[in-house]
Amino acid sequence: MDNPIMWVDANKGFPSATVARYGITLNSLATEIVSRFEIARIGYHKLDNALIFALSNLEDHGGKVPEGWILIKEKITPHGYFRLNNKDLVRVIAHFAGLDLNKKNRFMADWDEDSGYLVIGLSKKMETEINEGGKRRS
């Protein structure tokens, strides 16, 4: 039986991803998950309306990056976030998921250890508010 409890790191919150006009950015917790691997392949699951990060290591592919996969370490910024700048990918995702790219869209991410997938549920939007001081709150 699946455990219905989602444990939270009180200092980091939940893993999430932001989809914006310029690309896709994983927060620090989601970046920690993907950085345990060397390569990733990104896909869109139409039925589940989800962005899928298939994660693997080079040794599982004969030491080479398979066609269509990316090196994860090349996408981690100096600030420690995974950022994939690909406007075409974002446009396709926005089309299928019905996203408004005039604003940043933040979504919950789930790590599926059995499949080796980080799943960004595009139906699990996290609302962001602006407080009276003008700062963003989630």
N, C-alpha and C. Protein backbone atom coordinates (compact mmCIF):
# COMPACT_ATOMS: atom_id res chain seq x y z
N MET A 1 0.85 -1.19 0.00
CA MET A 1 0.00 0.00 0.00
C MET A 1 0.89 1.24 0.00
N ASP A 2 0.53 2.22 -0.81
CA ASP A 2 1.27 3.48 -0.84
C ASP A 2 1.07 4.22 0.46
N ASN A 3 2.14 4.86 0.91
CA ASN A 3 2.07 5.65 2.13
C ASN A 3 1.36 6.97 1.81
N PRO A 4 0.25 7.28 2.50
CA PRO A 4 -0.49 8.51 2.20
C PRO A 4 0.14 9.76 2.82
N ILE A 5 1.22 9.59 3.56
CA ILE A 5 1.85 10.74 4.21
C ILE A 5 2.94 11.32 3.32
N MET A 6 2.90 12.62 3.12
CA MET A 6 3.97 13.33 2.41
C MET A 6 4.79 14.05 3.48
N TRP A 7 5.97 13.54 3.77
CA TRP A 7 6.82 14.17 4.78
C TRP A 7 7.44 15.43 4.20
N VAL A 8 7.57 16.45 5.01
CA VAL A 8 8.05 17.74 4.56
C VAL A 8 9.34 18.10 5.28
N ASP A 9 10.32 18.58 4.53
CA ASP A 9 11.50 19.18 5.12
C ASP A 9 11.10 20.61 5.46
N ALA A 10 11.01 20.92 6.74
CA ALA A 10 10.50 22.22 7.18
C ALA A 10 11.34 23.38 6.65
N ASN A 11 12.60 23.13 6.31
CA ASN A 11 13.46 24.19 5.79
C ASN A 11 13.33 24.37 4.29
N LYS A 12 12.77 23.39 3.60
CA LYS A 12 12.75 23.44 2.14
C LYS A 12 11.36 23.35 1.53
N GLY A 13 10.39 22.86 2.26
CA GLY A 13 9.05 22.71 1.71
C GLY A 13 8.93 21.50 0.80
N PHE A 14 8.17 21.63 -0.26
CA PHE A 14 7.92 20.55 -1.20
C PHE A 14 8.70 20.78 -2.48
N PRO A 15 9.04 19.70 -3.18
CA PRO A 15 9.67 19.88 -4.50
C PRO A 15 8.65 20.50 -5.46
N SER A 16 9.14 21.45 -6.26
CA SER A 16 8.24 22.10 -7.22
C SER A 16 9.02 22.52 -8.45
N ALA A 17 8.26 22.91 -9.47
CA ALA A 17 8.83 23.38 -10.73
C ALA A 17 8.06 24.60 -11.18
N THR A 18 8.79 25.53 -11.79
CA THR A 18 8.17 26.72 -12.37
C THR A 18 8.30 26.62 -13.88
N VAL A 19 7.17 26.81 -14.56
CA VAL A 19 7.16 26.83 -16.02
C VAL A 19 6.84 28.27 -16.42
N ALA A 20 7.77 28.86 -17.14
CA ALA A 20 7.61 30.25 -17.59
C ALA A 20 7.99 30.34 -19.06
N ARG A 21 7.81 31.49 -19.62
CA ARG A 21 8.06 31.70 -21.05
C ARG A 21 9.48 31.26 -21.46
N TYR A 22 10.47 31.48 -20.61
CA TYR A 22 11.87 31.20 -20.94
C TYR A 22 12.27 29.75 -20.73
N GLY A 23 11.54 29.01 -19.88
CA GLY A 23 11.93 27.62 -19.64
C GLY A 23 11.33 27.05 -18.37
N ILE A 24 11.98 26.02 -17.86
CA ILE A 24 11.51 25.28 -16.69
C ILE A 24 12.60 25.34 -15.62
N THR A 25 12.21 25.70 -14.40
CA THR A 25 13.16 25.76 -13.30
C THR A 25 12.64 24.90 -12.15
N LEU A 26 13.51 24.05 -11.62
CA LEU A 26 13.18 23.24 -10.45
C LEU A 26 13.65 23.95 -9.20
N ASN A 27 12.86 23.90 -8.12
CA ASN A 27 13.32 24.51 -6.87
C ASN A 27 14.45 23.67 -6.28
N SER A 28 15.02 24.12 -5.17
CA SER A 28 16.21 23.46 -4.62
C SER A 28 15.94 22.01 -4.24
N LEU A 29 14.76 21.71 -3.71
CA LEU A 29 14.47 20.34 -3.31
C LEU A 29 14.33 19.42 -4.53
N ALA A 30 13.65 19.88 -5.56
CA ALA A 30 13.53 19.08 -6.79
C ALA A 30 14.90 18.95 -7.46
N THR A 31 15.72 20.00 -7.38
CA THR A 31 17.07 19.93 -7.94
C THR A 31 17.91 18.91 -7.20
N GLU A 32 17.75 18.81 -5.89
CA GLU A 32 18.46 17.78 -5.12
C GLU A 32 18.13 16.39 -5.64
N ILE A 33 16.88 16.16 -5.99
CA ILE A 33 16.46 14.85 -6.51
C ILE A 33 17.14 14.57 -7.84
N VAL A 34 17.04 15.49 -8.79
CA VAL A 34 17.60 15.22 -10.12
C VAL A 34 19.13 15.17 -10.09
N SER A 35 19.76 15.90 -9.18
CA SER A 35 21.22 15.94 -9.15
C SER A 35 21.85 14.65 -8.64
N ARG A 36 21.04 13.73 -8.15
CA ARG A 36 21.56 12.40 -7.77
C ARG A 36 21.83 11.55 -8.99
N PHE A 37 21.44 12.06 -10.17
CA PHE A 37 21.59 11.34 -11.42
C PHE A 37 22.46 12.16 -12.37
N GLU A 38 22.87 11.54 -13.46
CA GLU A 38 23.74 12.23 -14.43
C GLU A 38 23.01 12.75 -15.66
N ILE A 39 21.97 12.04 -16.09
CA ILE A 39 21.28 12.42 -17.31
C ILE A 39 19.76 12.40 -17.11
N ALA A 40 19.09 13.15 -17.97
CA ALA A 40 17.62 13.22 -17.90
C ALA A 40 17.05 13.31 -19.30
N ARG A 41 15.85 12.80 -19.40
CA ARG A 41 15.05 12.96 -20.62
C ARG A 41 13.72 13.55 -20.19
N ILE A 42 13.26 14.55 -20.92
CA ILE A 42 12.03 15.25 -20.53
C ILE A 42 10.93 14.90 -21.51
N GLY A 43 9.75 14.64 -20.96
CA GLY A 43 8.60 14.31 -21.79
C GLY A 43 7.33 14.87 -21.19
N TYR A 44 6.27 14.80 -21.95
CA TYR A 44 4.96 15.26 -21.50
C TYR A 44 3.98 14.09 -21.57
N HIS A 45 3.31 13.80 -20.47
CA HIS A 45 2.32 12.73 -20.40
C HIS A 45 0.94 13.36 -20.63
N LYS A 46 0.39 13.14 -21.81
CA LYS A 46 -0.87 13.80 -22.19
C LYS A 46 -2.04 13.41 -21.30
N LEU A 47 -2.17 12.13 -20.98
CA LEU A 47 -3.31 11.68 -20.18
C LEU A 47 -3.27 12.20 -18.75
N ASP A 48 -2.06 12.26 -18.17
CA ASP A 48 -1.92 12.74 -16.79
C ASP A 48 -1.64 14.23 -16.70
N ASN A 49 -1.50 14.90 -17.85
CA ASN A 49 -1.15 16.32 -17.88
C ASN A 49 0.04 16.58 -16.97
N ALA A 50 1.14 15.88 -17.27
CA ALA A 50 2.32 15.96 -16.41
C ALA A 50 3.59 16.05 -17.25
N LEU A 51 4.52 16.81 -16.73
CA LEU A 51 5.86 16.89 -17.29
C LEU A 51 6.68 15.81 -16.59
N ILE A 52 7.37 14.99 -17.36
CA ILE A 52 8.10 13.85 -16.80
C ILE A 52 9.60 14.04 -17.02
N PHE A 53 10.35 13.91 -15.95
CA PHE A 53 11.81 13.88 -16.02
C PHE A 53 12.23 12.45 -15.75
N ALA A 54 12.63 11.72 -16.79
CA ALA A 54 13.18 10.37 -16.62
C ALA A 54 14.65 10.56 -16.25
N LEU A 55 15.08 9.95 -15.16
CA LEU A 55 16.43 10.16 -14.65
C LEU A 55 17.22 8.87 -14.70
N SER A 56 18.49 9.00 -15.04
CA SER A 56 19.34 7.82 -15.19
C SER A 56 20.80 8.23 -15.02
N ASN A 57 21.68 7.24 -15.10
CA ASN A 57 23.13 7.48 -15.05
C ASN A 57 23.77 6.96 -16.33
N LEU A 58 24.92 7.51 -16.64
CA LEU A 58 25.61 7.14 -17.88
C LEU A 58 25.95 5.66 -17.93
N GLU A 59 26.29 5.06 -16.80
CA GLU A 59 26.65 3.64 -16.79
C GLU A 59 25.51 2.75 -17.28
N ASP A 60 24.28 3.22 -17.15
CA ASP A 60 23.12 2.46 -17.63
C ASP A 60 22.97 2.54 -19.16
N HIS A 61 23.78 3.39 -19.80
CA HIS A 61 23.68 3.63 -21.24
C HIS A 61 25.04 3.51 -21.92
N GLY A 62 25.87 2.62 -21.40
CA GLY A 62 27.18 2.39 -22.01
C GLY A 62 28.14 3.57 -21.91
N GLY A 63 27.92 4.44 -20.91
CA GLY A 63 28.82 5.57 -20.70
C GLY A 63 28.58 6.75 -21.62
N LYS A 64 27.55 6.69 -22.45
CA LYS A 64 27.26 7.77 -23.40
C LYS A 64 25.89 8.36 -23.13
N VAL A 65 25.76 9.64 -23.51
CA VAL A 65 24.46 10.30 -23.39
C VAL A 65 23.62 9.89 -24.59
N PRO A 66 22.51 9.17 -24.35
CA PRO A 66 21.65 8.78 -25.48
C PRO A 66 21.04 10.00 -26.16
N GLU A 67 20.71 9.84 -27.42
CA GLU A 67 20.07 10.92 -28.17
C GLU A 67 18.77 11.31 -27.47
N GLY A 68 18.57 12.61 -27.33
CA GLY A 68 17.35 13.12 -26.69
C GLY A 68 17.49 13.32 -25.19
N TRP A 69 18.59 12.89 -24.60
CA TRP A 69 18.84 13.05 -23.17
C TRP A 69 19.77 14.25 -22.97
N ILE A 70 19.79 14.80 -21.75
CA ILE A 70 20.67 15.92 -21.42
C ILE A 70 21.50 15.59 -20.20
N LEU A 71 22.66 16.25 -20.11
CA LEU A 71 23.49 16.12 -18.91
C LEU A 71 22.93 17.05 -17.83
N ILE A 72 22.61 16.49 -16.70
CA ILE A 72 21.98 17.27 -15.63
C ILE A 72 22.90 18.36 -15.10
N LYS A 73 24.18 18.03 -14.86
CA LYS A 73 25.08 19.02 -14.25
C LYS A 73 25.22 20.27 -15.10
N GLU A 74 25.03 20.17 -16.41
CA GLU A 74 25.11 21.35 -17.28
C GLU A 74 23.92 22.28 -17.11
N LYS A 75 22.86 21.80 -16.49
CA LYS A 75 21.64 22.60 -16.34
C LYS A 75 21.46 23.15 -14.93
N ILE A 76 22.41 22.88 -14.03
CA ILE A 76 22.30 23.39 -12.67
C ILE A 76 23.04 24.72 -12.60
N THR A 77 22.31 25.76 -12.16
CA THR A 77 22.84 27.12 -12.12
C THR A 77 23.82 27.28 -10.95
N PRO A 78 24.60 28.36 -10.95
CA PRO A 78 25.49 28.64 -9.81
C PRO A 78 24.72 28.79 -8.49
N HIS A 79 23.43 29.12 -8.57
CA HIS A 79 22.61 29.27 -7.36
C HIS A 79 21.99 27.95 -6.90
N GLY A 80 22.27 26.87 -7.64
CA GLY A 80 21.82 25.55 -7.22
C GLY A 80 20.45 25.13 -7.71
N TYR A 81 19.96 25.75 -8.77
CA TYR A 81 18.67 25.37 -9.34
C TYR A 81 18.88 24.72 -10.70
N PHE A 82 18.06 23.74 -11.01
CA PHE A 82 18.06 23.13 -12.34
C PHE A 82 17.23 24.04 -13.23
N ARG A 83 17.81 24.50 -14.34
CA ARG A 83 17.08 25.35 -15.27
C ARG A 83 17.26 24.83 -16.68
N LEU A 84 16.14 24.59 -17.34
CA LEU A 84 16.14 24.15 -18.73
C LEU A 84 15.53 25.27 -19.57
N ASN A 85 16.38 25.98 -20.29
CA ASN A 85 15.94 27.08 -21.14
C ASN A 85 15.63 26.53 -22.53
N ASN A 86 14.36 26.29 -22.80
CA ASN A 86 13.95 25.77 -24.08
C ASN A 86 12.54 26.29 -24.37
N LYS A 87 12.48 27.39 -25.10
CA LYS A 87 11.19 28.04 -25.37
C LYS A 87 10.25 27.15 -26.18
N ASP A 88 10.78 26.38 -27.12
CA ASP A 88 9.92 25.50 -27.92
C ASP A 88 9.26 24.45 -27.05
N LEU A 89 10.02 23.83 -26.14
CA LEU A 89 9.46 22.84 -25.23
C LEU A 89 8.36 23.46 -24.39
N VAL A 90 8.61 24.65 -23.86
CA VAL A 90 7.62 25.33 -23.02
C VAL A 90 6.36 25.64 -23.81
N ARG A 91 6.50 26.08 -25.05
CA ARG A 91 5.32 26.38 -25.88
C ARG A 91 4.47 25.13 -26.11
N VAL A 92 5.12 24.01 -26.36
CA VAL A 92 4.38 22.76 -26.57
C VAL A 92 3.66 22.36 -25.29
N ILE A 93 4.35 22.42 -24.16
CA ILE A 93 3.73 22.08 -22.88
C ILE A 93 2.56 23.02 -22.59
N ALA A 94 2.76 24.32 -22.83
CA ALA A 94 1.70 25.30 -22.59
C ALA A 94 0.49 25.01 -23.46
N HIS A 95 0.74 24.62 -24.70
CA HIS A 95 -0.36 24.29 -25.62
C HIS A 95 -1.18 23.12 -25.07
N PHE A 96 -0.51 22.02 -24.75
CA PHE A 96 -1.23 20.83 -24.27
C PHE A 96 -1.87 21.04 -22.90
N ALA A 97 -1.15 21.75 -22.01
CA ALA A 97 -1.64 21.92 -20.64
C ALA A 97 -2.51 23.16 -20.45
N GLY A 98 -2.61 24.01 -21.48
CA GLY A 98 -3.43 25.21 -21.37
C GLY A 98 -2.85 26.23 -20.40
N LEU A 99 -1.53 26.41 -20.42
CA LEU A 99 -0.89 27.34 -19.50
C LEU A 99 -0.80 28.74 -20.10
N ASP A 100 -0.91 29.74 -19.26
CA ASP A 100 -0.72 31.13 -19.64
C ASP A 100 0.76 31.46 -19.41
N LEU A 101 1.51 31.67 -20.49
CA LEU A 101 2.94 31.95 -20.36
C LEU A 101 3.25 33.41 -20.08
N ASN A 102 2.22 34.25 -19.92
CA ASN A 102 2.44 35.64 -19.55
C ASN A 102 2.76 35.77 -18.06
N LYS A 103 2.66 34.66 -17.34
CA LYS A 103 3.03 34.65 -15.93
C LYS A 103 3.76 33.34 -15.64
N LYS A 104 4.46 33.31 -14.51
CA LYS A 104 5.14 32.09 -14.09
C LYS A 104 4.11 31.14 -13.50
N ASN A 105 4.22 29.88 -13.83
CA ASN A 105 3.31 28.85 -13.34
C ASN A 105 4.11 27.89 -12.48
N ARG A 106 3.72 27.74 -11.21
CA ARG A 106 4.46 26.88 -10.29
C ARG A 106 3.61 25.65 -9.96
N PHE A 107 4.27 24.48 -10.00
CA PHE A 107 3.56 23.22 -9.81
C PHE A 107 4.29 22.32 -8.82
N MET A 108 3.53 21.47 -8.16
CA MET A 108 4.09 20.45 -7.27
C MET A 108 4.82 19.41 -8.11
N ALA A 109 5.87 18.85 -7.54
CA ALA A 109 6.61 17.77 -8.19
C ALA A 109 6.63 16.57 -7.25
N ASP A 110 6.54 15.38 -7.83
CA ASP A 110 6.57 14.14 -7.05
C ASP A 110 7.67 13.25 -7.58
N TRP A 111 8.45 12.67 -6.69
CA TRP A 111 9.50 11.74 -7.06
C TRP A 111 8.93 10.33 -7.01
N ASP A 112 8.92 9.64 -8.15
CA ASP A 112 8.48 8.26 -8.24
C ASP A 112 9.72 7.38 -8.35
N GLU A 113 10.16 6.89 -7.21
CA GLU A 113 11.41 6.13 -7.15
C GLU A 113 11.35 4.85 -7.96
N ASP A 114 10.19 4.20 -7.99
CA ASP A 114 10.06 2.93 -8.73
C ASP A 114 10.32 3.11 -10.22
N SER A 115 9.83 4.19 -10.81
CA SER A 115 10.01 4.42 -12.24
C SER A 115 11.25 5.25 -12.56
N GLY A 116 11.80 5.94 -11.55
CA GLY A 116 12.92 6.84 -11.79
C GLY A 116 12.48 8.14 -12.44
N TYR A 117 11.24 8.54 -12.16
CA TYR A 117 10.68 9.75 -12.77
C TYR A 117 10.44 10.82 -11.70
N LEU A 118 10.80 12.05 -12.06
CA LEU A 118 10.32 13.20 -11.32
C LEU A 118 9.12 13.69 -12.12
N VAL A 119 7.96 13.71 -11.49
CA VAL A 119 6.71 14.03 -12.18
C VAL A 119 6.20 15.39 -11.72
N ILE A 120 6.07 16.31 -12.66
CA ILE A 120 5.52 17.63 -12.37
C ILE A 120 4.08 17.63 -12.85
N GLY A 121 3.17 17.55 -11.91
CA GLY A 121 1.75 17.50 -12.23
C GLY A 121 1.25 18.88 -12.62
N LEU A 122 0.97 19.08 -13.90
CA LEU A 122 0.54 20.38 -14.38
C LEU A 122 -0.90 20.71 -14.00
N SER A 123 -1.55 19.79 -13.31
CA SER A 123 -2.87 20.05 -12.73
C SER A 123 -2.74 20.40 -11.25
N LYS A 124 -1.51 20.41 -10.74
CA LYS A 124 -1.25 20.70 -9.32
C LYS A 124 -0.60 22.07 -9.16
N LYS A 125 -1.26 23.08 -9.70
CA LYS A 125 -0.71 24.43 -9.66
C LYS A 125 -0.69 24.96 -8.23
N MET A 126 0.43 25.58 -7.89
CA MET A 126 0.58 26.21 -6.58
C MET A 126 0.31 27.69 -6.77
N GLU A 127 -0.70 28.20 -6.10
CA GLU A 127 -1.05 29.61 -6.25
C GLU A 127 0.00 30.46 -5.57
N THR A 128 0.31 31.57 -6.17
CA THR A 128 1.26 32.53 -5.62
C THR A 128 0.53 33.84 -5.44
N GLU A 129 0.67 34.41 -4.24
CA GLU A 129 0.00 35.67 -3.94
C GLU A 129 1.04 36.76 -3.74
N ILE A 130 0.60 38.00 -3.87
CA ILE A 130 1.43 39.16 -3.55
C ILE A 130 0.89 39.74 -2.25
N ASN A 131 1.76 39.84 -1.23
CA ASN A 131 1.29 40.40 0.05
C ASN A 131 1.34 41.92 -0.01
N GLU A 132 0.93 42.58 1.09
CA GLU A 132 0.85 44.03 1.11
C GLU A 132 2.20 44.70 0.89
N GLY A 133 3.30 44.05 1.27
CA GLY A 133 4.63 44.61 1.09
C GLY A 133 5.15 44.43 -0.32
N GLY A 134 4.37 43.79 -1.19
CA GLY A 134 4.77 43.59 -2.57
C GLY A 134 5.63 42.35 -2.79
N LYS A 135 5.81 41.54 -1.75
CA LYS A 135 6.62 40.33 -1.90
C LYS A 135 5.73 39.14 -2.20
N ARG A 136 6.30 38.23 -3.00
CA ARG A 136 5.57 37.01 -3.37
C ARG A 136 5.49 36.07 -2.19
N ARG A 137 4.33 35.43 -2.05
CA ARG A 137 4.14 34.37 -1.07
C ARG A 137 3.59 33.16 -1.80
N SER A 138 3.93 32.01 -1.33
CA SER A 138 3.37 30.79 -1.94
C SER A 138 2.58 30.04 -0.92
